[in-house]
Amino acid sequence: LSRPVIFTQSQLLPNFGLSTSFDNISVCLIDYSETLPVTQLTNWHGMYQPAVVRTPEVILGHPWSSSVDTWTIECLVRFIS
């Protein structure tokens, strides 16, 4: 990566023994067959997420953007913790 990866969190979490170094980072991208090209986001107002991780703006029928991915990741992390 040419730029550092910035992690966001909504609350302080305990250190799970994970390294804070960026020397050895691995990323796993997962496709749940619910993908949508970014170019279509501005015109999309449908329910295009699995119901279990659906964001409030999608449920309420408001326009949404790639920020819904943050919500989805937070939901998945919560489910496995």
PDB file of N, CA and C in Angstrom:
ATOM      1  N   LEU A   1       0.833  -1.186   0.000  1.00  0.00           N
ATOM      2  CA  LEU A   1       0.000   0.000   0.000  1.00  0.00           C
ATOM      3  C   LEU A   1       0.873   1.243   0.000  1.00  0.00           C
ATOM      4  N   SER A   2       0.470   2.224  -0.740  1.00  0.00           N
ATOM      5  CA  SER A   2       1.239   3.461  -0.772  1.00  0.00           C
ATOM      6  C   SER A   2       0.844   4.401   0.358  1.00  0.00           C
ATOM      7  N   ARG A   3      -0.344   4.206   0.927  1.00  0.00           N
ATOM      8  CA  ARG A   3      -0.802   5.035   2.044  1.00  0.00           C
ATOM      9  C   ARG A   3      -1.082   4.135   3.242  1.00  0.00           C
ATOM     10  N   PRO A   4      -0.975   4.657   4.449  1.00  0.00           N
ATOM     11  CA  PRO A   4      -1.259   3.824   5.621  1.00  0.00           C
ATOM     12  C   PRO A   4      -2.745   3.488   5.704  1.00  0.00           C
ATOM     13  N   VAL A   5      -3.031   2.350   6.273  1.00  0.00           N
ATOM     14  CA  VAL A   5      -4.405   1.931   6.490  1.00  0.00           C
ATOM     15  C   VAL A   5      -4.893   2.573   7.783  1.00  0.00           C
ATOM     16  N   ILE A   6      -6.047   3.208   7.731  1.00  0.00           N
ATOM     17  CA  ILE A   6      -6.614   3.863   8.907  1.00  0.00           C
ATOM     18  C   ILE A   6      -7.789   3.034   9.397  1.00  0.00           C
ATOM     19  N   PHE A   7      -7.751   2.621  10.639  1.00  0.00           N
ATOM     20  CA  PHE A   7      -8.833   1.854  11.230  1.00  0.00           C
ATOM     21  C   PHE A   7      -9.713   2.783  12.053  1.00  0.00           C
ATOM     22  N   THR A   8     -11.008   2.560  12.005  1.00  0.00           N
ATOM     23  CA  THR A   8     -11.930   3.345  12.821  1.00  0.00           C
ATOM     24  C   THR A   8     -12.644   2.417  13.780  1.00  0.00           C
ATOM     25  N   GLN A   9     -13.034   2.960  14.910  1.00  0.00           N
ATOM     26  CA  GLN A   9     -13.804   2.182  15.872  1.00  0.00           C
ATOM     27  C   GLN A   9     -14.720   3.115  16.634  1.00  0.00           C
ATOM     28  N   SER A  10     -15.808   2.575  17.119  1.00  0.00           N
ATOM     29  CA  SER A  10     -16.778   3.404  17.817  1.00  0.00           C
ATOM     30  C   SER A  10     -16.532   3.428  19.321  1.00  0.00           C
ATOM     31  N   GLN A  11     -15.753   2.499  19.818  1.00  0.00           N
ATOM     32  CA  GLN A  11     -15.442   2.472  21.241  1.00  0.00           C
ATOM     33  C   GLN A  11     -14.066   1.849  21.430  1.00  0.00           C
ATOM     34  N   LEU A  12     -13.483   2.098  22.568  1.00  0.00           N
ATOM     35  CA  LEU A  12     -12.172   1.527  22.854  1.00  0.00           C
ATOM     36  C   LEU A  12     -12.298   0.024  23.032  1.00  0.00           C
ATOM     37  N   LEU A  13     -11.403  -0.698  22.407  1.00  0.00           N
ATOM     38  CA  LEU A  13     -11.404  -2.148  22.507  1.00  0.00           C
ATOM     39  C   LEU A  13     -10.130  -2.602  23.199  1.00  0.00           C
ATOM     40  N   PRO A  14     -10.200  -3.737  23.893  1.00  0.00           N
ATOM     41  CA  PRO A  14      -8.976  -4.245  24.506  1.00  0.00           C
ATOM     42  C   PRO A  14      -7.999  -4.702  23.435  1.00  0.00           C
ATOM     43  N   ASN A  15      -6.730  -4.718  23.782  1.00  0.00           N
ATOM     44  CA  ASN A  15      -5.712  -5.213  22.856  1.00  0.00           C
ATOM     45  C   ASN A  15      -5.796  -6.733  22.850  1.00  0.00           C
ATOM     46  N   PHE A  16      -6.103  -7.301  21.703  1.00  0.00           N
ATOM     47  CA  PHE A  16      -6.234  -8.745  21.575  1.00  0.00           C
ATOM     48  C   PHE A  16      -4.907  -9.398  21.221  1.00  0.00           C
ATOM     49  N   GLY A  17      -3.816  -8.713  21.485  1.00  0.00           N
ATOM     50  CA  GLY A  17      -2.509  -9.245  21.166  1.00  0.00           C
ATOM     51  C   GLY A  17      -2.118  -9.011  19.719  1.00  0.00           C
ATOM     52  N   LEU A  18      -2.855  -8.166  19.031  1.00  0.00           N
ATOM     53  CA  LEU A  18      -2.553  -7.878  17.641  1.00  0.00           C
ATOM     54  C   LEU A  18      -1.422  -6.867  17.561  1.00  0.00           C
ATOM     55  N   SER A  19      -0.583  -7.035  16.601  1.00  0.00           N
ATOM     56  CA  SER A  19       0.543  -6.135  16.409  1.00  0.00           C
ATOM     57  C   SER A  19       0.056  -4.783  15.901  1.00  0.00           C
ATOM     58  N   THR A  20       0.656  -3.713  16.381  1.00  0.00           N
ATOM     59  CA  THR A  20       0.318  -2.375  15.896  1.00  0.00           C
ATOM     60  C   THR A  20       1.197  -1.968  14.730  1.00  0.00           C
ATOM     61  N   SER A  21       2.081  -2.864  14.309  1.00  0.00           N
ATOM     62  CA  SER A  21       2.989  -2.583  13.203  1.00  0.00           C
ATOM     63  C   SER A  21       2.288  -2.827  11.870  1.00  0.00           C
ATOM     64  N   PHE A  22       2.644  -2.017  10.871  1.00  0.00           N
ATOM     65  CA  PHE A  22       2.100  -2.191   9.532  1.00  0.00           C
ATOM     66  C   PHE A  22       3.026  -3.037   8.655  1.00  0.00           C
ATOM     67  N   ASP A  23       4.013  -3.696   9.253  1.00  0.00           N
ATOM     68  CA  ASP A  23       4.985  -4.466   8.486  1.00  0.00           C
ATOM     69  C   ASP A  23       4.409  -5.749   7.895  1.00  0.00           C
ATOM     70  N   ASN A  24       3.473  -6.358   8.587  1.00  0.00           N
ATOM     71  CA  ASN A  24       2.968  -7.657   8.144  1.00  0.00           C
ATOM     72  C   ASN A  24       1.438  -7.650   8.193  1.00  0.00           C
ATOM     73  N   ILE A  25       0.815  -7.038   7.199  1.00  0.00           N
ATOM     74  CA  ILE A  25      -0.638  -6.933   7.155  1.00  0.00           C
ATOM     75  C   ILE A  25      -1.167  -7.848   6.058  1.00  0.00           C
ATOM     76  N   SER A  26      -2.196  -8.604   6.382  1.00  0.00           N
ATOM     77  CA  SER A  26      -2.874  -9.387   5.348  1.00  0.00           C
ATOM     78  C   SER A  26      -4.346  -8.995   5.355  1.00  0.00           C
ATOM     79  N   VAL A  27      -4.922  -8.938   4.184  1.00  0.00           N
ATOM     80  CA  VAL A  27      -6.306  -8.512   4.029  1.00  0.00           C
ATOM     81  C   VAL A  27      -7.065  -9.614   3.317  1.00  0.00           C
ATOM     82  N   CYS A  28      -8.253  -9.896   3.790  1.00  0.00           N
ATOM     83  CA  CYS A  28      -9.103 -10.892   3.155  1.00  0.00           C
ATOM     84  C   CYS A  28     -10.388 -10.197   2.717  1.00  0.00           C
ATOM     85  N   LEU A  29     -10.619 -10.138   1.420  1.00  0.00           N
ATOM     86  CA  LEU A  29     -11.846  -9.558   0.892  1.00  0.00           C
ATOM     87  C   LEU A  29     -12.860 -10.676   0.699  1.00  0.00           C
ATOM     88  N   ILE A  30     -14.073 -10.432   1.170  1.00  0.00           N
ATOM     89  CA  ILE A  30     -15.111 -11.451   1.137  1.00  0.00           C
ATOM     90  C   ILE A  30     -16.263 -10.948   0.292  1.00  0.00           C
ATOM     91  N   ASP A  31     -16.784 -11.798  -0.552  1.00  0.00           N
ATOM     92  CA  ASP A  31     -17.916 -11.441  -1.399  1.00  0.00           C
ATOM     93  C   ASP A  31     -19.110 -12.288  -0.989  1.00  0.00           C
ATOM     94  N   TYR A  32     -20.154 -11.640  -0.524  1.00  0.00           N
ATOM     95  CA  TYR A  32     -21.378 -12.333  -0.153  1.00  0.00           C
ATOM     96  C   TYR A  32     -22.406 -12.299  -1.285  1.00  0.00           C
ATOM     97  N   SER A  33     -21.937 -12.111  -2.502  1.00  0.00           N
ATOM     98  CA  SER A  33     -22.797 -12.039  -3.694  1.00  0.00           C
ATOM     99  C   SER A  33     -23.813 -10.910  -3.602  1.00  0.00           C
ATOM    100  N   GLU A  34     -23.494  -9.889  -2.867  1.00  0.00           N
ATOM    101  CA  GLU A  34     -24.356  -8.723  -2.727  1.00  0.00           C
ATOM    102  C   GLU A  34     -23.613  -7.469  -3.169  1.00  0.00           C
ATOM    103  N   THR A  35     -22.668  -7.610  -4.076  1.00  0.00           N
ATOM    104  CA  THR A  35     -21.849  -6.478  -4.484  1.00  0.00           C
ATOM    105  C   THR A  35     -22.572  -5.604  -5.491  1.00  0.00           C
ATOM    106  N   LEU A  36     -22.166  -4.361  -5.519  1.00  0.00           N
ATOM    107  CA  LEU A  36     -22.738  -3.381  -6.433  1.00  0.00           C
ATOM    108  C   LEU A  36     -21.622  -2.438  -6.846  1.00  0.00           C
ATOM    109  N   PRO A  37     -21.440  -2.192  -8.141  1.00  0.00           N
ATOM    110  CA  PRO A  37     -20.386  -1.266  -8.561  1.00  0.00           C
ATOM    111  C   PRO A  37     -20.599   0.131  -7.977  1.00  0.00           C
ATOM    112  N   VAL A  38     -19.515   0.780  -7.598  1.00  0.00           N
ATOM    113  CA  VAL A  38     -19.589   2.114  -7.005  1.00  0.00           C
ATOM    114  C   VAL A  38     -20.278   3.091  -7.947  1.00  0.00           C
ATOM    115  N   THR A  39     -20.126   2.905  -9.241  1.00  0.00           N
ATOM    116  CA  THR A  39     -20.748   3.821 -10.207  1.00  0.00           C
ATOM    117  C   THR A  39     -22.271   3.767 -10.158  1.00  0.00           C
ATOM    118  N   GLN A  40     -22.838   2.708  -9.612  1.00  0.00           N
ATOM    119  CA  GLN A  40     -24.294   2.585  -9.522  1.00  0.00           C
ATOM    120  C   GLN A  40     -24.855   3.063  -8.193  1.00  0.00           C
ATOM    121  N   LEU A  41     -23.999   3.420  -7.247  1.00  0.00           N
ATOM    122  CA  LEU A  41     -24.474   3.802  -5.918  1.00  0.00           C
ATOM    123  C   LEU A  41     -25.335   5.053  -5.922  1.00  0.00           C
ATOM    124  N   THR A  42     -25.043   6.010  -6.780  1.00  0.00           N
ATOM    125  CA  THR A  42     -25.781   7.272  -6.750  1.00  0.00           C
ATOM    126  C   THR A  42     -27.223   7.105  -7.200  1.00  0.00           C
ATOM    127  N   ASN A  43     -27.507   6.085  -7.976  1.00  0.00           N
ATOM    128  CA  ASN A  43     -28.860   5.883  -8.481  1.00  0.00           C
ATOM    129  C   ASN A  43     -29.591   4.742  -7.791  1.00  0.00           C
ATOM    130  N   TRP A  44     -28.963   4.111  -6.834  1.00  0.00           N
ATOM    131  CA  TRP A  44     -29.551   2.925  -6.221  1.00  0.00           C
ATOM    132  C   TRP A  44     -30.245   3.282  -4.920  1.00  0.00           C
ATOM    133  N   HIS A  45     -31.488   2.885  -4.785  1.00  0.00           N
ATOM    134  CA  HIS A  45     -32.234   3.118  -3.543  1.00  0.00           C
ATOM    135  C   HIS A  45     -32.894   1.835  -3.055  1.00  0.00           C
ATOM    136  N   GLY A  46     -32.468   0.694  -3.575  1.00  0.00           N
ATOM    137  CA  GLY A  46     -33.092  -0.567  -3.200  1.00  0.00           C
ATOM    138  C   GLY A  46     -32.464  -1.183  -1.968  1.00  0.00           C
ATOM    139  N   MET A  47     -33.037  -2.296  -1.539  1.00  0.00           N
ATOM    140  CA  MET A  47     -32.511  -3.043  -0.400  1.00  0.00           C
ATOM    141  C   MET A  47     -31.519  -4.055  -0.938  1.00  0.00           C
ATOM    142  N   TYR A  48     -30.285  -3.655  -1.035  1.00  0.00           N
ATOM    143  CA  TYR A  48     -29.269  -4.474  -1.673  1.00  0.00           C
ATOM    144  C   TYR A  48     -28.254  -4.984  -0.669  1.00  0.00           C
ATOM    145  N   GLN A  49     -28.711  -5.314   0.520  1.00  0.00           N
ATOM    146  CA  GLN A  49     -27.842  -5.883   1.541  1.00  0.00           C
ATOM    147  C   GLN A  49     -28.567  -7.052   2.175  1.00  0.00           C
ATOM    148  N   PRO A  50     -27.826  -8.022   2.703  1.00  0.00           N
ATOM    149  CA  PRO A  50     -28.492  -9.077   3.461  1.00  0.00           C
ATOM    150  C   PRO A  50     -29.240  -8.459   4.644  1.00  0.00           C
ATOM    151  N   ALA A  51     -30.420  -8.954   4.936  1.00  0.00           N
ATOM    152  CA  ALA A  51     -31.263  -8.355   5.976  1.00  0.00           C
ATOM    153  C   ALA A  51     -30.575  -8.298   7.332  1.00  0.00           C
ATOM    154  N   VAL A  52     -29.749  -9.271   7.642  1.00  0.00           N
ATOM    155  CA  VAL A  52     -29.130  -9.340   8.960  1.00  0.00           C
ATOM    156  C   VAL A  52     -28.123  -8.217   9.206  1.00  0.00           C
ATOM    157  N   VAL A  53     -27.574  -7.628   8.150  1.00  0.00           N
ATOM    158  CA  VAL A  53     -26.602  -6.541   8.297  1.00  0.00           C
ATOM    159  C   VAL A  53     -27.056  -5.268   7.577  1.00  0.00           C
ATOM    160  N   ARG A  54     -28.329  -5.145   7.321  1.00  0.00           N
ATOM    161  CA  ARG A  54     -28.848  -4.003   6.566  1.00  0.00           C
ATOM    162  C   ARG A  54     -28.725  -2.720   7.391  1.00  0.00           C
ATOM    163  N   THR A  55     -28.265  -1.654   6.760  1.00  0.00           N
ATOM    164  CA  THR A  55     -28.047  -0.376   7.444  1.00  0.00           C
ATOM    165  C   THR A  55     -29.355   0.393   7.609  1.00  0.00           C
ATOM    166  N   PRO A  56     -29.407   1.288   8.605  1.00  0.00           N
ATOM    167  CA  PRO A  56     -30.629   2.070   8.825  1.00  0.00           C
ATOM    168  C   PRO A  56     -31.046   2.897   7.613  1.00  0.00           C
ATOM    169  N   GLU A  57     -30.087   3.504   6.914  1.00  0.00           N
ATOM    170  CA  GLU A  57     -30.467   4.330   5.769  1.00  0.00           C
ATOM    171  C   GLU A  57     -31.079   3.505   4.641  1.00  0.00           C
ATOM    172  N   VAL A  58     -30.640   2.270   4.494  1.00  0.00           N
ATOM    173  CA  VAL A  58     -31.230   1.395   3.483  1.00  0.00           C
ATOM    174  C   VAL A  58     -32.638   0.987   3.905  1.00  0.00           C
ATOM    175  N   ILE A  59     -32.808   0.631   5.172  1.00  0.00           N
ATOM    176  CA  ILE A  59     -34.128   0.245   5.681  1.00  0.00           C
ATOM    177  C   ILE A  59     -35.121   1.387   5.526  1.00  0.00           C
ATOM    178  N   LEU A  60     -34.682   2.617   5.794  1.00  0.00           N
ATOM    179  CA  LEU A  60     -35.574   3.779   5.719  1.00  0.00           C
ATOM    180  C   LEU A  60     -35.758   4.304   4.303  1.00  0.00           C
ATOM    181  N   GLY A  61     -35.045   3.727   3.337  1.00  0.00           N
ATOM    182  CA  GLY A  61     -35.200   4.135   1.948  1.00  0.00           C
ATOM    183  C   GLY A  61     -34.457   5.396   1.572  1.00  0.00           C
ATOM    184  N   HIS A  62     -33.480   5.790   2.391  1.00  0.00           N
ATOM    185  CA  HIS A  62     -32.677   6.972   2.086  1.00  0.00           C
ATOM    186  C   HIS A  62     -31.537   6.596   1.142  1.00  0.00           C
ATOM    187  N   PRO A  63     -30.999   7.558   0.389  1.00  0.00           N
ATOM    188  CA  PRO A  63     -29.827   7.263  -0.446  1.00  0.00           C
ATOM    189  C   PRO A  63     -28.655   6.826   0.432  1.00  0.00           C
ATOM    190  N   TRP A  64     -27.839   5.944  -0.095  1.00  0.00           N
ATOM    191  CA  TRP A  64     -26.698   5.477   0.679  1.00  0.00           C
ATOM    192  C   TRP A  64     -25.455   5.428  -0.188  1.00  0.00           C
ATOM    193  N   SER A  65     -24.317   5.271   0.470  1.00  0.00           N
ATOM    194  CA  SER A  65     -23.035   5.271  -0.232  1.00  0.00           C
ATOM    195  C   SER A  65     -22.181   4.121   0.285  1.00  0.00           C
ATOM    196  N   SER A  66     -20.924   4.161  -0.029  1.00  0.00           N
ATOM    197  CA  SER A  66     -20.025   3.084   0.387  1.00  0.00           C
ATOM    198  C   SER A  66     -19.836   3.032   1.903  1.00  0.00           C
ATOM    199  N   SER A  67     -20.309   4.026   2.638  1.00  0.00           N
ATOM    200  CA  SER A  67     -20.193   3.989   4.102  1.00  0.00           C
ATOM    201  C   SER A  67     -21.002   2.844   4.704  1.00  0.00           C
ATOM    202  N   VAL A  68     -21.954   2.291   3.961  1.00  0.00           N
ATOM    203  CA  VAL A  68     -22.705   1.150   4.481  1.00  0.00           C
ATOM    204  C   VAL A  68     -21.790  -0.054   4.684  1.00  0.00           C
ATOM    205  N   ASP A  69     -20.658  -0.080   3.987  1.00  0.00           N
ATOM    206  CA  ASP A  69     -19.712  -1.177   4.168  1.00  0.00           C
ATOM    207  C   ASP A  69     -19.131  -1.175   5.573  1.00  0.00           C
ATOM    208  N   THR A  70     -18.912   0.009   6.138  1.00  0.00           N
ATOM    209  CA  THR A  70     -18.406   0.105   7.510  1.00  0.00           C
ATOM    210  C   THR A  70     -19.405  -0.512   8.475  1.00  0.00           C
ATOM    211  N   TRP A  71     -20.672  -0.204   8.292  1.00  0.00           N
ATOM    212  CA  TRP A  71     -21.735  -0.766   9.137  1.00  0.00           C
ATOM    213  C   TRP A  71     -21.733  -2.292   9.022  1.00  0.00           C
ATOM    214  N   THR A  72     -21.651  -2.791   7.802  1.00  0.00           N
ATOM    215  CA  THR A  72     -21.688  -4.230   7.573  1.00  0.00           C
ATOM    216  C   THR A  72     -20.516  -4.924   8.251  1.00  0.00           C
ATOM    217  N   ILE A  73     -19.327  -4.343   8.125  1.00  0.00           N
ATOM    218  CA  ILE A  73     -18.149  -4.928   8.771  1.00  0.00           C
ATOM    219  C   ILE A  73     -18.316  -4.923  10.282  1.00  0.00           C
ATOM    220  N   GLU A  74     -18.832  -3.827  10.839  1.00  0.00           N
ATOM    221  CA  GLU A  74     -19.046  -3.761  12.288  1.00  0.00           C
ATOM    222  C   GLU A  74     -20.042  -4.819  12.740  1.00  0.00           C
ATOM    223  N   CYS A  75     -21.095  -5.032  11.961  1.00  0.00           N
ATOM    224  CA  CYS A  75     -22.071  -6.075  12.297  1.00  0.00           C
ATOM    225  C   CYS A  75     -21.425  -7.453  12.275  1.00  0.00           C
ATOM    226  N   LEU A  76     -20.640  -7.727  11.256  1.00  0.00           N
ATOM    227  CA  LEU A  76     -19.989  -9.033  11.152  1.00  0.00           C
ATOM    228  C   LEU A  76     -19.009  -9.263  12.292  1.00  0.00           C
ATOM    229  N   VAL A  77     -18.252  -8.231  12.657  1.00  0.00           N
ATOM    230  CA  VAL A  77     -17.322  -8.355  13.781  1.00  0.00           C
ATOM    231  C   VAL A  77     -18.094  -8.618  15.065  1.00  0.00           C
ATOM    232  N   ARG A  78     -19.200  -7.940  15.236  1.00  0.00           N
ATOM    233  CA  ARG A  78     -20.026  -8.132  16.436  1.00  0.00           C
ATOM    234  C   ARG A  78     -20.577  -9.559  16.500  1.00  0.00           C
ATOM    235  N   PHE A  79     -20.981 -10.096  15.355  1.00  0.00           N
ATOM    236  CA  PHE A  79     -21.528 -11.452  15.325  1.00  0.00           C
ATOM    237  C   PHE A  79     -20.490 -12.494  15.712  1.00  0.00           C
ATOM    238  N   ILE A  80     -19.248 -12.295  15.303  1.00  0.00           N
ATOM    239  CA  ILE A  80     -18.226 -13.305  15.589  1.00  0.00           C
ATOM    240  C   ILE A  80     -17.541 -13.098  16.934  1.00  0.00           C
ATOM    241  N   SER A  81     -17.819 -11.982  17.597  1.00  0.00           N
ATOM    242  CA  SER A  81     -17.152 -11.749  18.894  1.00  0.00           C
ATOM    243  C   SER A  81     -17.949 -12.309  20.048  1.00  0.00           C
TER     244      SER A  81
END
